[in-house]
């Protein structure tokens, strides 16, 4: 979900984004990516 919101912002579709919220979304996306990369199947 965080990645989708970041994409919406990059496309200029989210006009009133709060910068602190945007930074939190970036951190969440990076954390999720790290978790997924460390999963073993």
Protein backbone atom coordinates (compact mmCIF):
# COMPACT_ATOMS: atom_id res chain seq x y z
CA UNK A 1 0.00 0.00 0.00
CA UNK A 2 2.80 2.40 0.87
CA UNK A 3 4.41 1.81 -2.52
CA UNK A 4 1.16 2.66 -4.29
CA UNK A 5 0.83 5.91 -2.38
CA UNK A 6 4.41 6.81 -3.24
CA UNK A 7 3.67 6.10 -6.90
CA UNK A 8 0.58 8.31 -6.79
CA UNK A 9 2.72 11.10 -5.36
CA UNK A 10 5.41 10.63 -8.03
CA UNK A 11 2.79 10.96 -10.74
CA UNK A 12 1.59 14.24 -9.24
CA UNK A 13 -1.87 12.90 -8.44
CA UNK A 14 -1.64 13.55 -4.70
CA UNK A 15 -1.69 17.32 -4.35
CA UNK A 16 -1.85 17.78 -0.57
CA UNK A 17 0.70 15.22 0.60
CA UNK A 18 2.30 15.92 3.96
CA UNK A 19 6.10 15.58 3.69
CA UNK A 20 6.41 13.83 7.06
CA UNK A 21 3.78 11.32 5.98
CA UNK A 22 5.59 10.82 2.67
CA UNK A 23 8.84 10.08 4.51
CA UNK A 24 7.04 7.55 6.72
CA UNK A 25 5.62 5.83 3.63
CA UNK A 26 9.12 5.63 2.16
CA UNK A 27 10.43 4.07 5.37
CA UNK A 28 7.56 1.56 5.46
CA UNK A 29 8.16 0.58 1.83
CA UNK A 30 11.88 0.06 2.45
CA UNK A 31 11.22 -1.97 5.59
CA UNK A 32 8.68 -4.17 3.79
CA UNK A 33 11.11 -4.71 0.92
CA UNK A 34 13.81 -5.79 3.37
CA UNK A 35 11.46 -8.23 5.09
CA UNK A 36 10.40 -9.74 1.77
CA UNK A 37 14.01 -10.12 0.61
CA UNK A 38 14.89 -12.00 3.81
CA UNK A 39 12.02 -14.49 3.57
CA UNK A 40 12.98 -18.08 2.95
CA UNK A 41 10.61 -20.38 1.12
